Amino acid sequence: MENPAKFMRQNKGRDMNDKTMKALANDILAKCQEQELSYTEMRTLIIMLSGRLESAQTALRDLPISVVGITPF
């Protein structure tokens, strides 16, 4: 994700039942299955992603938007 602030502006108020969100979730699950991840591993992945999101949200609150970035694992 190049610019988390831009992403947040573009997706503000997005409905989780949106077709795009469902398609993205299905793509993620398919990738997990391709990698032969167990349900426990998938849960761990989601928890890790949730932590990354929390960090990005904190960074957005604490820093000027132009400075915030998300670094890859």
N, C-alpha and C. Protein backbone atom coordinates (compact mmCIF):
# COMPACT_ATOMS: atom_id res chain seq x y z
N MET A 1 0.86 -1.16 0.00
CA MET A 1 0.00 0.00 0.00
C MET A 1 0.91 1.22 0.00
N GLU A 2 0.84 1.97 -1.06
CA GLU A 2 1.71 3.13 -1.22
C GLU A 2 1.42 4.23 -0.20
N ASN A 3 0.16 4.63 -0.09
CA ASN A 3 -0.19 5.75 0.76
C ASN A 3 -1.42 5.40 1.59
N PRO A 4 -1.23 5.00 2.85
CA PRO A 4 -2.37 4.60 3.66
C PRO A 4 -3.41 5.69 3.85
N ALA A 5 -2.99 6.94 3.89
CA ALA A 5 -3.94 8.04 4.06
C ALA A 5 -4.87 8.11 2.84
N LYS A 6 -4.32 7.96 1.65
CA LYS A 6 -5.12 7.98 0.43
C LYS A 6 -6.09 6.80 0.43
N PHE A 7 -5.61 5.63 0.84
CA PHE A 7 -6.47 4.45 0.94
C PHE A 7 -7.63 4.70 1.88
N MET A 8 -7.34 5.29 3.04
CA MET A 8 -8.38 5.55 4.03
C MET A 8 -9.43 6.52 3.45
N ARG A 9 -8.98 7.55 2.73
CA ARG A 9 -9.92 8.52 2.15
C ARG A 9 -10.79 7.85 1.09
N GLN A 10 -10.17 7.02 0.25
CA GLN A 10 -10.90 6.38 -0.85
C GLN A 10 -11.92 5.37 -0.35
N ASN A 11 -11.64 4.72 0.77
CA ASN A 11 -12.48 3.63 1.25
C ASN A 11 -13.27 3.97 2.49
N LYS A 12 -13.36 5.24 2.82
CA LYS A 12 -14.10 5.66 4.00
C LYS A 12 -15.57 5.26 3.85
N GLY A 13 -16.08 4.56 4.85
CA GLY A 13 -17.47 4.17 4.84
C GLY A 13 -17.80 3.00 3.94
N ARG A 14 -16.80 2.26 3.49
CA ARG A 14 -17.06 1.12 2.61
C ARG A 14 -17.83 0.05 3.36
N ASP A 15 -18.82 -0.51 2.71
CA ASP A 15 -19.66 -1.55 3.29
C ASP A 15 -18.94 -2.89 3.20
N MET A 16 -18.83 -3.58 4.34
CA MET A 16 -18.15 -4.88 4.35
C MET A 16 -18.89 -5.92 3.52
N ASN A 17 -20.13 -5.67 3.14
CA ASN A 17 -20.87 -6.59 2.28
C ASN A 17 -20.69 -6.26 0.81
N ASP A 18 -19.88 -5.27 0.53
CA ASP A 18 -19.58 -4.84 -0.82
C ASP A 18 -18.99 -6.02 -1.60
N LYS A 19 -19.35 -6.15 -2.88
CA LYS A 19 -18.84 -7.24 -3.73
C LYS A 19 -17.31 -7.24 -3.77
N THR A 20 -16.72 -6.05 -3.81
CA THR A 20 -15.26 -5.95 -3.88
C THR A 20 -14.62 -6.52 -2.62
N MET A 21 -15.20 -6.22 -1.46
CA MET A 21 -14.66 -6.73 -0.20
C MET A 21 -14.79 -8.25 -0.14
N LYS A 22 -15.92 -8.76 -0.57
CA LYS A 22 -16.12 -10.21 -0.58
C LYS A 22 -15.13 -10.88 -1.52
N ALA A 23 -14.91 -10.27 -2.68
CA ALA A 23 -13.97 -10.84 -3.65
C ALA A 23 -12.55 -10.84 -3.09
N LEU A 24 -12.18 -9.77 -2.41
CA LEU A 24 -10.85 -9.70 -1.81
C LEU A 24 -10.68 -10.77 -0.73
N ALA A 25 -11.70 -10.93 0.11
CA ALA A 25 -11.64 -11.96 1.15
C ALA A 25 -11.51 -13.34 0.54
N ASN A 26 -12.26 -13.60 -0.53
CA ASN A 26 -12.17 -14.89 -1.20
C ASN A 26 -10.79 -15.11 -1.81
N ASP A 27 -10.21 -14.06 -2.38
CA ASP A 27 -8.86 -14.16 -2.95
C ASP A 27 -7.83 -14.50 -1.87
N ILE A 28 -7.97 -13.85 -0.71
CA ILE A 28 -7.04 -14.11 0.39
C ILE A 28 -7.17 -15.55 0.86
N LEU A 29 -8.41 -16.02 1.02
CA LEU A 29 -8.62 -17.41 1.43
C LEU A 29 -8.07 -18.39 0.41
N ALA A 30 -8.26 -18.10 -0.88
CA ALA A 30 -7.73 -18.97 -1.93
C ALA A 30 -6.20 -19.03 -1.86
N LYS A 31 -5.56 -17.88 -1.64
CA LYS A 31 -4.09 -17.85 -1.51
C LYS A 31 -3.64 -18.69 -0.31
N CYS A 32 -4.38 -18.57 0.79
CA CYS A 32 -4.05 -19.35 1.99
C CYS A 32 -4.15 -20.84 1.69
N GLN A 33 -5.19 -21.23 0.95
CA GLN A 33 -5.36 -22.63 0.60
C GLN A 33 -4.27 -23.10 -0.34
N GLU A 34 -3.86 -22.25 -1.30
CA GLU A 34 -2.76 -22.59 -2.21
C GLU A 34 -1.48 -22.85 -1.43
N GLN A 35 -1.29 -22.08 -0.36
CA GLN A 35 -0.10 -22.23 0.48
C GLN A 35 -0.26 -23.36 1.50
N GLU A 36 -1.42 -24.02 1.46
CA GLU A 36 -1.75 -25.13 2.36
C GLU A 36 -1.65 -24.73 3.83
N LEU A 37 -2.14 -23.52 4.13
CA LEU A 37 -2.16 -23.06 5.51
C LEU A 37 -3.29 -23.75 6.27
N SER A 38 -3.04 -24.09 7.51
CA SER A 38 -4.09 -24.63 8.36
C SER A 38 -4.98 -23.48 8.82
N TYR A 39 -6.12 -23.83 9.41
CA TYR A 39 -7.00 -22.78 9.93
C TYR A 39 -6.30 -21.98 11.04
N THR A 40 -5.50 -22.66 11.82
CA THR A 40 -4.74 -21.97 12.88
C THR A 40 -3.75 -20.98 12.26
N GLU A 41 -3.09 -21.37 11.19
CA GLU A 41 -2.14 -20.47 10.52
C GLU A 41 -2.87 -19.30 9.87
N MET A 42 -4.05 -19.56 9.29
CA MET A 42 -4.84 -18.47 8.70
C MET A 42 -5.27 -17.49 9.79
N ARG A 43 -5.69 -18.01 10.94
CA ARG A 43 -6.08 -17.14 12.04
C ARG A 43 -4.88 -16.29 12.49
N THR A 44 -3.71 -16.90 12.58
CA THR A 44 -2.50 -16.18 12.97
C THR A 44 -2.20 -15.07 11.96
N LEU A 45 -2.35 -15.38 10.67
CA LEU A 45 -2.13 -14.38 9.62
C LEU A 45 -3.08 -13.19 9.79
N ILE A 46 -4.34 -13.48 10.03
CA ILE A 46 -5.33 -12.41 10.20
C ILE A 46 -5.01 -11.57 11.43
N ILE A 47 -4.58 -12.21 12.50
CA ILE A 47 -4.20 -11.48 13.72
C ILE A 47 -3.00 -10.58 13.44
N MET A 48 -2.02 -11.10 12.68
CA MET A 48 -0.85 -10.30 12.34
C MET A 48 -1.25 -9.10 11.48
N LEU A 49 -2.13 -9.32 10.51
CA LEU A 49 -2.59 -8.22 9.66
C LEU A 49 -3.37 -7.19 10.47
N SER A 50 -4.14 -7.66 11.42
CA SER A 50 -4.88 -6.75 12.29
C SER A 50 -3.91 -5.87 13.09
N GLY A 51 -2.84 -6.48 13.57
CA GLY A 51 -1.82 -5.71 14.29
C GLY A 51 -1.17 -4.67 13.41
N ARG A 52 -0.90 -5.04 12.16
CA ARG A 52 -0.30 -4.08 11.22
C ARG A 52 -1.25 -2.92 10.95
N LEU A 53 -2.54 -3.24 10.81
CA LEU A 53 -3.54 -2.19 10.60
C LEU A 53 -3.59 -1.26 11.78
N GLU A 54 -3.57 -1.82 12.99
CA GLU A 54 -3.59 -1.00 14.21
C GLU A 54 -2.37 -0.07 14.25
N SER A 55 -1.21 -0.59 13.87
CA SER A 55 0.01 0.23 13.84
C SER A 55 -0.12 1.37 12.83
N ALA A 56 -0.68 1.05 11.66
CA ALA A 56 -0.86 2.08 10.63
C ALA A 56 -1.84 3.15 11.10
N GLN A 57 -2.91 2.73 11.77
CA GLN A 57 -3.88 3.70 12.27
C GLN A 57 -3.26 4.60 13.33
N THR A 58 -2.45 4.02 14.19
CA THR A 58 -1.76 4.81 15.22
C THR A 58 -0.81 5.80 14.56
N ALA A 59 -0.08 5.34 13.55
CA ALA A 59 0.85 6.22 12.84
C ALA A 59 0.11 7.37 12.17
N LEU A 60 -1.05 7.07 11.60
CA LEU A 60 -1.83 8.12 10.95
C LEU A 60 -2.29 9.17 11.95
N ARG A 61 -2.61 8.74 13.16
CA ARG A 61 -3.06 9.69 14.19
C ARG A 61 -1.89 10.52 14.72
N ASP A 62 -0.71 9.92 14.79
CA ASP A 62 0.42 10.57 15.44
C ASP A 62 1.32 11.39 14.51
N LEU A 63 1.29 11.12 13.22
CA LEU A 63 2.20 11.79 12.29
C LEU A 63 1.43 12.54 11.21
N PRO A 64 2.09 13.52 10.60
CA PRO A 64 1.46 14.16 9.44
C PRO A 64 1.21 13.11 8.35
N ILE A 65 0.10 13.19 7.68
CA ILE A 65 -0.29 12.19 6.69
C ILE A 65 0.80 11.97 5.64
N SER A 66 1.50 12.99 5.22
CA SER A 66 2.51 12.85 4.17
C SER A 66 3.70 12.01 4.61
N VAL A 67 3.88 11.80 5.91
CA VAL A 67 5.04 11.05 6.42
C VAL A 67 4.74 9.58 6.62
N VAL A 68 3.47 9.22 6.80
CA VAL A 68 3.09 7.85 7.17
C VAL A 68 3.27 6.90 6.00
N GLY A 69 3.82 5.74 6.30
CA GLY A 69 3.96 4.67 5.32
C GLY A 69 3.89 3.33 5.99
N ILE A 70 3.54 2.30 5.25
CA ILE A 70 3.50 0.94 5.80
C ILE A 70 4.65 0.17 5.18
N THR A 71 5.50 -0.38 6.02
CA THR A 71 6.62 -1.14 5.51
C THR A 71 6.26 -2.61 5.40
N PRO A 72 6.77 -3.31 4.39
CA PRO A 72 6.47 -4.72 4.25
C PRO A 72 7.11 -5.55 5.36
N PHE A 73 6.61 -6.76 5.56
CA PHE A 73 7.17 -7.65 6.58
C PHE A 73 8.59 -7.98 6.24
